[in-house]
């Protein structure tokens, strides 16, 4: 069930609270812990999360669009989600009132699970020490979990954002616990790829406020028709022919004809960056490089046989 701010949850809960942008491995740890505690106490696990305000947060880039975040939370095991809008009125709620009205009241929390650095209330005044103090008055258990580390680096949405924006997809995917993806529909392009012998499907991606990978060529998997197809994808401005103003995402499928894909929905999963985007002196030079990119991708899939 989806609950909105101002509604009352009709059952007692174990609450996992946070923004959950990306629903990365650290978030997944919180979700699993909340599920375990709920099962032990015969309670219902619930996620309390926040929806960014459409005006105040327009410049911020996220790892997941809001609907993707909700779908991932459900995928990782929690179906009951309470959503608060990060508008000006909500942001002015004091830490004490937030805990009393929202956690004790609206979502009927009997336990709260969060990251050890979680802050709440007006100007982020509330910390774990205050949360424990307030929880003691309500008989609520508080479980602040230490930050998860991958290869010695704390997992955070901001760190994953930095990795993706710099093209370090493999490191980002380790922290995400799944392959970073873009969703959208295939639309008509200018047909340049087909003219030089490498047809591409142009993805009209739902970027919105979502971070895009650094410009360049990537080994990818395209999820289409409920199946995965191996592919090579260029992210960028196509400087050899166009040097446009909007970033394009152009997919070349390995072993699949792109002609009949127009209007089809695709989830594009990024696996590895092959090289940065580059302007070539001629179509022939670009064509030769694309052959090398495809060979790189085919070799990658041979080595990573778990990608079917």
C-alpha atoms as a PDB file:
ATOM      1  CA  UNK A   1       0.000   0.000   0.000  1.00  0.00           C
ATOM      2  CA  UNK A   2       1.070   3.577  -0.692  1.00  0.00           C
ATOM      3  CA  UNK A   3       0.313   6.151   2.016  1.00  0.00           C
ATOM      4  CA  UNK A   4       0.652   9.930   1.662  1.00  0.00           C
ATOM      5  CA  UNK A   5       1.555  12.545   4.241  1.00  0.00           C
ATOM      6  CA  UNK A   6      -1.491  13.259   6.424  1.00  0.00           C
ATOM      7  CA  UNK A   7      -2.847   9.718   6.171  1.00  0.00           C
ATOM      8  CA  UNK A   8      -2.848   7.251   9.052  1.00  0.00           C
ATOM      9  CA  UNK A   9      -1.354   3.789   8.686  1.00  0.00           C
ATOM     10  CA  UNK A  10      -3.843   1.222  10.085  1.00  0.00           C
ATOM     11  CA  UNK A  11      -1.269  -1.191  11.569  1.00  0.00           C
ATOM     12  CA  UNK A  12       1.809  -1.180  13.797  1.00  0.00           C
ATOM     13  CA  UNK A  13       5.087  -1.021  11.912  1.00  0.00           C
ATOM     14  CA  UNK A  14       8.842  -1.349  11.822  1.00  0.00           C
ATOM     15  CA  UNK A  15       9.893   1.720   9.855  1.00  0.00           C
ATOM     16  CA  UNK A  16      12.919   2.025   7.585  1.00  0.00           C
ATOM     17  CA  UNK A  17      13.344   5.753   7.013  1.00  0.00           C
ATOM     18  CA  UNK A  18      15.364   7.719   4.479  1.00  0.00           C
ATOM     19  CA  UNK A  19      15.446   9.218   0.986  1.00  0.00           C
ATOM     20  CA  UNK A  20      16.549   5.869  -0.513  1.00  0.00           C
ATOM     21  CA  UNK A  21      17.809   7.463  -3.727  1.00  0.00           C
ATOM     22  CA  UNK A  22      19.136   4.588  -5.819  1.00  0.00           C
ATOM     23  CA  UNK A  23      18.057   1.973  -3.255  1.00  0.00           C
ATOM     24  CA  UNK A  24      21.733   0.978  -3.140  1.00  0.00           C
ATOM     25  CA  UNK A  25      23.396  -1.792  -1.120  1.00  0.00           C
ATOM     26  CA  UNK A  26      23.376   0.333   2.043  1.00  0.00           C
ATOM     27  CA  UNK A  27      19.645   0.934   1.658  1.00  0.00           C
ATOM     28  CA  UNK A  28      19.073  -2.732   0.930  1.00  0.00           C
ATOM     29  CA  UNK A  29      20.772  -3.532   4.245  1.00  0.00           C
ATOM     30  CA  UNK A  30      18.260  -1.263   6.037  1.00  0.00           C
ATOM     31  CA  UNK A  31      15.333  -2.878   4.246  1.00  0.00           C
ATOM     32  CA  UNK A  32      16.469  -6.407   5.126  1.00  0.00           C
ATOM     33  CA  UNK A  33      16.984  -5.433   8.759  1.00  0.00           C
ATOM     34  CA  UNK A  34      13.516  -3.852   8.974  1.00  0.00           C
ATOM     35  CA  UNK A  35      11.950  -6.954   7.429  1.00  0.00           C
ATOM     36  CA  UNK A  36      13.755  -9.211   9.923  1.00  0.00           C
ATOM     37  CA  UNK A  37      12.736  -7.098  12.941  1.00  0.00           C
ATOM     38  CA  UNK A  38       9.143  -6.927  11.732  1.00  0.00           C
ATOM     39  CA  UNK A  39       9.025 -10.688  11.331  1.00  0.00           C
ATOM     40  CA  UNK A  40      10.454 -11.249  14.822  1.00  0.00           C
ATOM     41  CA  UNK A  41       7.842  -8.966  16.419  1.00  0.00           C
ATOM     42  CA  UNK A  42       4.886  -9.880  14.162  1.00  0.00           C
ATOM     43  CA  UNK A  43       4.751  -6.312  12.851  1.00  0.00           C
ATOM     44  CA  UNK A  44       4.565  -4.868   9.336  1.00  0.00           C
ATOM     45  CA  UNK A  45       7.688  -3.450   7.665  1.00  0.00           C
ATOM     46  CA  UNK A  46       7.151  -0.007   6.157  1.00  0.00           C
ATOM     47  CA  UNK A  47       9.374   2.482   4.332  1.00  0.00           C
ATOM     48  CA  UNK A  48       9.027   6.156   5.206  1.00  0.00           C
ATOM     49  CA  UNK A  49      10.512   8.127   2.318  1.00  0.00           C
ATOM     50  CA  UNK A  50      10.418  11.570   0.757  1.00  0.00           C
ATOM     51  CA  UNK A  51       9.400  12.987  -2.592  1.00  0.00           C
ATOM     52  CA  UNK A  52      11.463  15.940  -3.760  1.00  0.00           C
ATOM     53  CA  UNK A  53       9.613  19.185  -4.263  1.00  0.00           C
ATOM     54  CA  UNK A  54       9.221  19.937  -8.003  1.00  0.00           C
ATOM     55  CA  UNK A  55      10.324  23.581  -7.620  1.00  0.00           C
ATOM     56  CA  UNK A  56      12.864  23.640  -4.791  1.00  0.00           C
ATOM     57  CA  UNK A  57      14.826  20.632  -6.035  1.00  0.00           C
ATOM     58  CA  UNK A  58      14.929  21.192  -9.814  1.00  0.00           C
ATOM     59  CA  UNK A  59      18.732  21.389  -9.992  1.00  0.00           C
ATOM     60  CA  UNK A  60      19.395  18.213  -8.071  1.00  0.00           C
ATOM     61  CA  UNK A  61      20.168  15.035  -9.979  1.00  0.00           C
ATOM     62  CA  UNK A  62      19.118  11.633  -8.656  1.00  0.00           C
ATOM     63  CA  UNK A  63      20.150   8.028  -9.231  1.00  0.00           C
ATOM     64  CA  UNK A  64      16.546   6.952  -9.681  1.00  0.00           C
ATOM     65  CA  UNK A  65      13.373   8.629 -10.815  1.00  0.00           C
ATOM     66  CA  UNK A  66      10.693   8.565  -8.126  1.00  0.00           C
ATOM     67  CA  UNK A  67       8.682   5.743  -9.696  1.00  0.00           C
ATOM     68  CA  UNK A  68      11.894   3.724 -10.127  1.00  0.00           C
ATOM     69  CA  UNK A  69      12.738   4.208  -6.453  1.00  0.00           C
ATOM     70  CA  UNK A  70       9.316   2.951  -5.375  1.00  0.00           C
ATOM     71  CA  UNK A  71       9.604  -0.068  -7.693  1.00  0.00           C
ATOM     72  CA  UNK A  72      13.055  -0.939  -6.309  1.00  0.00           C
ATOM     73  CA  UNK A  73      11.880  -0.680  -2.697  1.00  0.00           C
ATOM     74  CA  UNK A  74       9.094  -3.130  -3.524  1.00  0.00           C
ATOM     75  CA  UNK A  75      11.543  -5.358  -5.403  1.00  0.00           C
ATOM     76  CA  UNK A  76      13.699  -5.580  -2.283  1.00  0.00           C
ATOM     77  CA  UNK A  77      10.824  -6.732  -0.135  1.00  0.00           C
ATOM     78  CA  UNK A  78       8.734  -3.889   1.342  1.00  0.00           C
ATOM     79  CA  UNK A  79       5.328  -3.163  -0.180  1.00  0.00           C
ATOM     80  CA  UNK A  80       4.039  -0.602   2.335  1.00  0.00           C
ATOM     81  CA  UNK A  81       5.466   2.856   1.623  1.00  0.00           C
ATOM     82  CA  UNK A  82       4.681   6.197   3.253  1.00  0.00           C
ATOM     83  CA  UNK A  83       5.568   9.255   1.143  1.00  0.00           C
ATOM     84  CA  UNK A  84       6.108  12.765   2.480  1.00  0.00           C
ATOM     85  CA  UNK A  85       6.471  15.700   0.108  1.00  0.00           C
ATOM     86  CA  UNK A  86       9.588  17.798   0.736  1.00  0.00           C
ATOM     87  CA  UNK A  87       7.756  21.114   0.456  1.00  0.00           C
ATOM     88  CA  UNK A  88       8.396  24.238   2.506  1.00  0.00           C
ATOM     89  CA  UNK A  89       5.728  23.482   5.132  1.00  0.00           C
ATOM     90  CA  UNK A  90       7.043  19.963   5.723  1.00  0.00           C
ATOM     91  CA  UNK A  91      10.643  21.171   5.917  1.00  0.00           C
ATOM     92  CA  UNK A  92       9.723  23.518   8.796  1.00  0.00           C
ATOM     93  CA  UNK A  93       8.401  20.747  11.057  1.00  0.00           C
ATOM     94  CA  UNK A  94      10.574  20.498  14.187  1.00  0.00           C
ATOM     95  CA  UNK A  95      12.448  17.289  14.941  1.00  0.00           C
ATOM     96  CA  UNK A  96      10.319  16.684  18.058  1.00  0.00           C
ATOM     97  CA  UNK A  97       7.042  17.201  16.219  1.00  0.00           C
ATOM     98  CA  UNK A  98       8.173  15.078  13.284  1.00  0.00           C
ATOM     99  CA  UNK A  99       8.992  12.157  15.553  1.00  0.00           C
ATOM    100  CA  UNK A 100       5.808  12.494  17.626  1.00  0.00           C
ATOM    101  CA  UNK A 101       3.329  13.227  14.853  1.00  0.00           C
ATOM    102  CA  UNK A 102       4.803  11.144  12.063  1.00  0.00           C
ATOM    103  CA  UNK A 103       6.725   8.203  13.488  1.00  0.00           C
ATOM    104  CA  UNK A 104       4.749   7.701  16.692  1.00  0.00           C
ATOM    105  CA  UNK A 105       1.448   8.847  15.218  1.00  0.00           C
ATOM    106  CA  UNK A 106       0.928   8.559  11.476  1.00  0.00           C
ATOM    107  CA  UNK A 107       2.918   5.376  10.795  1.00  0.00           C
ATOM    108  CA  UNK A 108       2.514   3.746  14.258  1.00  0.00           C
ATOM    109  CA  UNK A 109       6.185   2.819  14.506  1.00  0.00           C
ATOM    110  CA  UNK A 110       7.240   0.316  17.143  1.00  0.00           C
ATOM    111  CA  UNK A 111      10.807   0.351  15.821  1.00  0.00           C
ATOM    112  CA  UNK A 112      12.774   2.687  13.549  1.00  0.00           C
ATOM    113  CA  UNK A 113      15.659   1.579  11.322  1.00  0.00           C
ATOM    114  CA  UNK A 114      17.917   4.213   9.746  1.00  0.00           C
ATOM    115  CA  UNK A 115      21.500   5.009   8.851  1.00  0.00           C
ATOM    116  CA  UNK A 116      23.755   6.131  11.696  1.00  0.00           C
ATOM    117  CA  UNK A 117      24.072   9.589  10.116  1.00  0.00           C
ATOM    118  CA  UNK A 118      20.323  10.131   9.611  1.00  0.00           C
ATOM    119  CA  UNK A 119      19.075  13.640  10.397  1.00  0.00           C
ATOM    120  CA  UNK A 120      15.487  14.818  10.670  1.00  0.00           C
ATOM    121  CA  UNK A 121      13.341  17.844  11.425  1.00  0.00           C
ATOM    122  CA  UNK A 122      13.725  21.560  10.743  1.00  0.00           C
ATOM    123  CA  UNK A 123      17.266  22.439   9.650  1.00  0.00           C
ATOM    124  CA  UNK A 124      18.196  18.783  10.227  1.00  0.00           C
ATOM    125  CA  UNK A 125      18.324  19.422  13.971  1.00  0.00           C
ATOM    126  CA  UNK A 126      17.426  15.859  14.922  1.00  0.00           C
ATOM    127  CA  UNK A 127      20.117  13.193  15.187  1.00  0.00           C
ATOM    128  CA  UNK A 128      20.280   9.648  16.572  1.00  0.00           C
ATOM    129  CA  UNK A 129      20.812  10.887  20.134  1.00  0.00           C
ATOM    130  CA  UNK A 130      17.631  12.958  19.997  1.00  0.00           C
ATOM    131  CA  UNK A 131      15.773  10.163  18.235  1.00  0.00           C
ATOM    132  CA  UNK A 132      16.623   7.724  21.026  1.00  0.00           C
ATOM    133  CA  UNK A 133      15.495  10.235  23.640  1.00  0.00           C
ATOM    134  CA  UNK A 134      12.162  10.817  21.894  1.00  0.00           C
ATOM    135  CA  UNK A 135      11.718   7.123  21.172  1.00  0.00           C
ATOM    136  CA  UNK A 136      12.110   6.279  24.835  1.00  0.00           C
ATOM    137  CA  UNK A 137       9.012   8.345  25.628  1.00  0.00           C
ATOM    138  CA  UNK A 138       6.966   6.387  23.091  1.00  0.00           C
ATOM    139  CA  UNK A 139       8.368   2.916  23.752  1.00  0.00           C
ATOM    140  CA  UNK A 140       9.955   2.737  20.301  1.00  0.00           C
ATOM    141  CA  UNK A 141      13.163   0.836  19.525  1.00  0.00           C
ATOM    142  CA  UNK A 142      15.782   2.651  17.438  1.00  0.00           C
ATOM    143  CA  UNK A 143      18.279   0.781  15.251  1.00  0.00           C
ATOM    144  CA  UNK A 144      20.908   3.073  13.672  1.00  0.00           C
ATOM    145  CA  UNK A 145      22.942   0.936  11.280  1.00  0.00           C
ATOM    146  CA  UNK A 146      26.565   1.764  10.436  1.00  0.00           C
ATOM    147  CA  UNK A 147      27.323   2.804   6.871  1.00  0.00           C
ATOM    148  CA  UNK A 148      28.067  -0.086   4.551  1.00  0.00           C
ATOM    149  CA  UNK A 149      31.467  -0.035   2.838  1.00  0.00           C
ATOM    150  CA  UNK A 150      32.445  -1.413  -0.545  1.00  0.00           C
ATOM    151  CA  UNK A 151      36.169  -1.793  -1.166  1.00  0.00           C
ATOM    152  CA  UNK A 152      36.788   0.397   1.870  1.00  0.00           C
ATOM    153  CA  UNK A 153      34.589   3.288   0.689  1.00  0.00           C
ATOM    154  CA  UNK A 154      31.303   4.130   2.463  1.00  0.00           C
ATOM    155  CA  UNK A 155      28.314   3.571   0.199  1.00  0.00           C
ATOM    156  CA  UNK A 156      26.256   6.693  -0.355  1.00  0.00           C
ATOM    157  CA  UNK A 157      23.985   8.084  -3.059  1.00  0.00           C
ATOM    158  CA  UNK A 158      26.332  11.034  -3.553  1.00  0.00           C
ATOM    159  CA  UNK A 159      29.370   8.764  -4.065  1.00  0.00           C
ATOM    160  CA  UNK A 160      27.489   6.619  -6.582  1.00  0.00           C
ATOM    161  CA  UNK A 161      26.333   9.777  -8.351  1.00  0.00           C
ATOM    162  CA  UNK A 162      29.975  10.903  -8.621  1.00  0.00           C
ATOM    163  CA  UNK A 163      31.051   7.536 -10.031  1.00  0.00           C
ATOM    164  CA  UNK A 164      28.309   7.443 -12.675  1.00  0.00           C
ATOM    165  CA  UNK A 165      28.877  11.048 -13.719  1.00  0.00           C
ATOM    166  CA  UNK A 166      32.576  10.240 -14.223  1.00  0.00           C
ATOM    167  CA  UNK A 167      31.906   7.054 -16.194  1.00  0.00           C
ATOM    168  CA  UNK A 168      33.034   4.620 -13.479  1.00  0.00           C
ATOM    169  CA  UNK A 169      30.045   2.363 -14.014  1.00  0.00           C
ATOM    170  CA  UNK A 170      31.521  -0.870 -12.670  1.00  0.00           C
ATOM    171  CA  UNK A 171      32.375   0.712  -9.315  1.00  0.00           C
ATOM    172  CA  UNK A 172      28.952   2.364  -9.182  1.00  0.00           C
ATOM    173  CA  UNK A 173      27.206  -0.936  -9.915  1.00  0.00           C
ATOM    174  CA  UNK A 174      29.058  -2.642  -7.051  1.00  0.00           C
ATOM    175  CA  UNK A 175      27.683  -0.024  -4.689  1.00  0.00           C
ATOM    176  CA  UNK A 176      24.206  -0.130  -6.216  1.00  0.00           C
ATOM    177  CA  UNK A 177      23.983  -3.908  -6.041  1.00  0.00           C
ATOM    178  CA  UNK A 178      22.508  -3.924  -9.543  1.00  0.00           C
ATOM    179  CA  UNK A 179      23.366  -2.378 -12.925  1.00  0.00           C
ATOM    180  CA  UNK A 180      22.607   1.307 -13.346  1.00  0.00           C
ATOM    181  CA  UNK A 181      19.824   1.788 -15.891  1.00  0.00           C
ATOM    182  CA  UNK A 182      17.973   4.303 -18.021  1.00  0.00           C
ATOM    183  CA  UNK A 183      14.419   3.750 -19.209  1.00  0.00           C
ATOM    184  CA  UNK A 184      12.569   5.125 -22.208  1.00  0.00           C
ATOM    185  CA  UNK A 185      11.178   4.471 -25.668  1.00  0.00           C
ATOM    186  CA  UNK A 186      12.890   4.015 -29.009  1.00  0.00           C
ATOM    187  CA  UNK A 187      12.345   6.991 -31.333  1.00  0.00           C
ATOM    188  CA  UNK A 188      13.412   7.871 -34.865  1.00  0.00           C
ATOM    189  CA  UNK A 189      16.840   9.447 -35.251  1.00  0.00           C
ATOM    190  CA  UNK A 190      18.633  10.787 -38.336  1.00  0.00           C
ATOM    191  CA  UNK A 191      19.695   7.342 -39.517  1.00  0.00           C
ATOM    192  CA  UNK A 192      23.399   8.195 -39.453  1.00  0.00           C
ATOM    193  CA  UNK A 193      24.365   4.912 -37.822  1.00  0.00           C
ATOM    194  CA  UNK A 194      22.605   2.889 -40.505  1.00  0.00           C
ATOM    195  CA  UNK A 195      24.315   4.865 -43.261  1.00  0.00           C
ATOM    196  CA  UNK A 196      27.765   3.897 -41.976  1.00  0.00           C
ATOM    197  CA  UNK A 197      26.769   0.271 -41.383  1.00  0.00           C
ATOM    198  CA  UNK A 198      25.964   0.326 -37.668  1.00  0.00           C
ATOM    199  CA  UNK A 199      22.243   0.976 -37.124  1.00  0.00           C
ATOM    200  CA  UNK A 200      21.274   2.349 -33.733  1.00  0.00           C
ATOM    201  CA  UNK A 201      18.099   2.674 -31.715  1.00  0.00           C
ATOM    202  CA  UNK A 202      17.724   6.157 -30.252  1.00  0.00           C
ATOM    203  CA  UNK A 203      16.472   6.033 -26.676  1.00  0.00           C
ATOM    204  CA  UNK A 204      14.133   8.837 -25.664  1.00  0.00           C
ATOM    205  CA  UNK A 205      15.190   8.429 -22.049  1.00  0.00           C
ATOM    206  CA  UNK A 206      13.147   9.509 -19.046  1.00  0.00           C
ATOM    207  CA  UNK A 207      15.952  11.546 -17.601  1.00  0.00           C
ATOM    208  CA  UNK A 208      13.968  14.192 -15.723  1.00  0.00           C
ATOM    209  CA  UNK A 209      16.188  14.819 -12.704  1.00  0.00           C
ATOM    210  CA  UNK A 210      18.207  11.651 -13.199  1.00  0.00           C
ATOM    211  CA  UNK A 211      21.984  11.607 -13.512  1.00  0.00           C
ATOM    212  CA  UNK A 212      23.370  10.474 -16.879  1.00  0.00           C
ATOM    213  CA  UNK A 213      26.606   8.531 -17.345  1.00  0.00           C
ATOM    214  CA  UNK A 214      29.616  10.492 -18.565  1.00  0.00           C
ATOM    215  CA  UNK A 215      29.690  10.873 -22.339  1.00  0.00           C
ATOM    216  CA  UNK A 216      31.255   7.896 -24.041  1.00  0.00           C
ATOM    217  CA  UNK A 217      30.756   4.363 -25.329  1.00  0.00           C
ATOM    218  CA  UNK A 218      29.488   1.632 -22.991  1.00  0.00           C
ATOM    219  CA  UNK A 219      28.906  -2.092 -22.935  1.00  0.00           C
ATOM    220  CA  UNK A 220      25.200  -2.405 -22.141  1.00  0.00           C
ATOM    221  CA  UNK A 221      22.287  -4.813 -21.924  1.00  0.00           C
ATOM    222  CA  UNK A 222      18.933  -3.715 -23.271  1.00  0.00           C
ATOM    223  CA  UNK A 223      15.871  -5.161 -21.554  1.00  0.00           C
ATOM    224  CA  UNK A 224      13.214  -5.549 -24.234  1.00  0.00           C
ATOM    225  CA  UNK A 225      10.239  -7.890 -24.722  1.00  0.00           C
ATOM    226  CA  UNK A 226      10.990  -9.264 -21.252  1.00  0.00           C
ATOM    227  CA  UNK A 227      14.429 -10.415 -22.447  1.00  0.00           C
ATOM    228  CA  UNK A 228      17.978  -9.066 -22.314  1.00  0.00           C
ATOM    229  CA  UNK A 229      19.913  -8.219 -25.479  1.00  0.00           C
ATOM    230  CA  UNK A 230      23.640  -7.504 -25.647  1.00  0.00           C
ATOM    231  CA  UNK A 231      24.443  -4.062 -26.953  1.00  0.00           C
ATOM    232  CA  UNK A 232      26.909  -1.201 -27.290  1.00  0.00           C
ATOM    233  CA  UNK A 233      25.678   2.285 -26.433  1.00  0.00           C
ATOM    234  CA  UNK A 234      26.974   5.761 -27.138  1.00  0.00           C
ATOM    235  CA  UNK A 235      26.064   8.531 -24.709  1.00  0.00           C
ATOM    236  CA  UNK A 236      26.849  12.025 -25.959  1.00  0.00           C
ATOM    237  CA  UNK A 237      26.445  14.678 -28.613  1.00  0.00           C
ATOM    238  CA  UNK A 238      27.620  12.744 -31.714  1.00  0.00           C
ATOM    239  CA  UNK A 239      30.366  15.328 -32.406  1.00  0.00           C
ATOM    240  CA  UNK A 240      31.529  13.718 -35.662  1.00  0.00           C
ATOM    241  CA  UNK A 241      28.253  14.484 -37.450  1.00  0.00           C
ATOM    242  CA  UNK A 242      26.059  16.706 -35.294  1.00  0.00           C
ATOM    243  CA  UNK A 243      27.617  18.084 -32.106  1.00  0.00           C
ATOM    244  CA  UNK A 244      24.108  18.705 -30.822  1.00  0.00           C
ATOM    245  CA  UNK A 245      23.007  20.353 -27.596  1.00  0.00           C
ATOM    246  CA  UNK A 246      21.103  17.458 -26.018  1.00  0.00           C
ATOM    247  CA  UNK A 247      22.783  14.276 -24.876  1.00  0.00           C
ATOM    248  CA  UNK A 248      21.710  11.346 -27.048  1.00  0.00           C
ATOM    249  CA  UNK A 249      21.630   7.696 -26.009  1.00  0.00           C
ATOM    250  CA  UNK A 250      22.123   5.508 -29.101  1.00  0.00           C
ATOM    251  CA  UNK A 251      21.992   1.730 -28.777  1.00  0.00           C
ATOM    252  CA  UNK A 252      23.572  -0.690 -31.252  1.00  0.00           C
ATOM    253  CA  UNK A 253      22.240  -4.191 -30.651  1.00  0.00           C
ATOM    254  CA  UNK A 254      24.501  -7.179 -31.123  1.00  0.00           C
ATOM    255  CA  UNK A 255      22.437  -9.640 -33.126  1.00  0.00           C
ATOM    256  CA  UNK A 256      19.100  -7.832 -33.218  1.00  0.00           C
ATOM    257  CA  UNK A 257      17.541  -5.715 -35.991  1.00  0.00           C
ATOM    258  CA  UNK A 258      16.635  -2.227 -34.745  1.00  0.00           C
ATOM    259  CA  UNK A 259      14.194  -1.449 -37.586  1.00  0.00           C
ATOM    260  CA  UNK A 260      11.048  -2.678 -35.819  1.00  0.00           C
ATOM    261  CA  UNK A 261      11.786  -1.182 -32.395  1.00  0.00           C
ATOM    262  CA  UNK A 262      10.231   2.265 -32.789  1.00  0.00           C
ATOM    263  CA  UNK A 263       7.891   3.028 -29.895  1.00  0.00           C
ATOM    264  CA  UNK A 264       9.130   0.048 -27.867  1.00  0.00           C
ATOM    265  CA  UNK A 265       9.992   0.542 -24.179  1.00  0.00           C
ATOM    266  CA  UNK A 266      13.557  -0.289 -23.214  1.00  0.00           C
ATOM    267  CA  UNK A 267      15.430  -0.512 -19.922  1.00  0.00           C
ATOM    268  CA  UNK A 268      19.084   0.021 -20.722  1.00  0.00           C
ATOM    269  CA  UNK A 269      21.541  -1.424 -18.199  1.00  0.00           C
ATOM    270  CA  UNK A 270      25.105  -0.063 -18.186  1.00  0.00           C
ATOM    271  CA  UNK A 271      27.930  -2.544 -17.545  1.00  0.00           C
ATOM    272  CA  UNK A 272      31.275  -0.970 -18.488  1.00  0.00           C
ATOM    273  CA  UNK A 273      32.647   2.159 -20.133  1.00  0.00           C
ATOM    274  CA  UNK A 274      34.666   1.387 -23.249  1.00  0.00           C
ATOM    275  CA  UNK A 275      36.033   4.856 -24.021  1.00  0.00           C
ATOM    276  CA  UNK A 276      35.199   8.578 -23.862  1.00  0.00           C
ATOM    277  CA  UNK A 277      33.269  10.202 -26.686  1.00  0.00           C
ATOM    278  CA  UNK A 278      35.505  11.494 -29.475  1.00  0.00           C
ATOM    279  CA  UNK A 279      35.150  13.530 -32.664  1.00  0.00           C
ATOM    280  CA  UNK A 280      36.537  11.683 -35.695  1.00  0.00           C
ATOM    281  CA  UNK A 281      37.899  13.224 -38.878  1.00  0.00           C
ATOM    282  CA  UNK A 282      35.703  11.111 -41.157  1.00  0.00           C
ATOM    283  CA  UNK A 283      32.868   8.580 -41.249  1.00  0.00           C
ATOM    284  CA  UNK A 284      35.425   5.895 -42.195  1.00  0.00           C
ATOM    285  CA  UNK A 285      37.504   6.610 -39.091  1.00  0.00           C
ATOM    286  CA  UNK A 286      34.397   6.460 -36.909  1.00  0.00           C
ATOM    287  CA  UNK A 287      33.348   3.202 -38.571  1.00  0.00           C
ATOM    288  CA  UNK A 288      36.713   1.614 -37.789  1.00  0.00           C
ATOM    289  CA  UNK A 289      36.450   2.683 -34.155  1.00  0.00           C
ATOM    290  CA  UNK A 290      32.931   1.316 -33.853  1.00  0.00           C
ATOM    291  CA  UNK A 291      34.206  -2.069 -35.066  1.00  0.00           C
ATOM    292  CA  UNK A 292      36.741  -1.986 -32.231  1.00  0.00           C
ATOM    293  CA  UNK A 293      34.042  -0.976 -29.728  1.00  0.00           C
ATOM    294  CA  UNK A 294      31.853  -3.895 -30.817  1.00  0.00           C
ATOM    295  CA  UNK A 295      34.790  -6.296 -30.573  1.00  0.00           C
ATOM    296  CA  UNK A 296      35.471  -4.989 -27.059  1.00  0.00           C
ATOM    297  CA  UNK A 297      31.843  -5.582 -26.066  1.00  0.00           C
ATOM    298  CA  UNK A 298      31.731  -9.075 -27.570  1.00  0.00           C
ATOM    299  CA  UNK A 299      34.908  -9.979 -25.704  1.00  0.00           C
ATOM    300  CA  UNK A 300      33.414  -8.566 -22.503  1.00  0.00           C
ATOM    301  CA  UNK A 301      30.338 -10.787 -22.833  1.00  0.00           C
ATOM    302  CA  UNK A 302      32.544 -13.835 -23.542  1.00  0.00           C
ATOM    303  CA  UNK A 303      34.393 -13.231 -20.276  1.00  0.00           C
ATOM    304  CA  UNK A 304      31.214 -12.469 -18.314  1.00  0.00           C
ATOM    305  CA  UNK A 305      29.212 -15.524 -19.247  1.00  0.00           C
ATOM    306  CA  UNK A 306      26.550 -14.897 -16.569  1.00  0.00           C
ATOM    307  CA  UNK A 307      25.088 -12.254 -18.904  1.00  0.00           C
ATOM    308  CA  UNK A 308      22.804 -14.294 -21.124  1.00  0.00           C
END
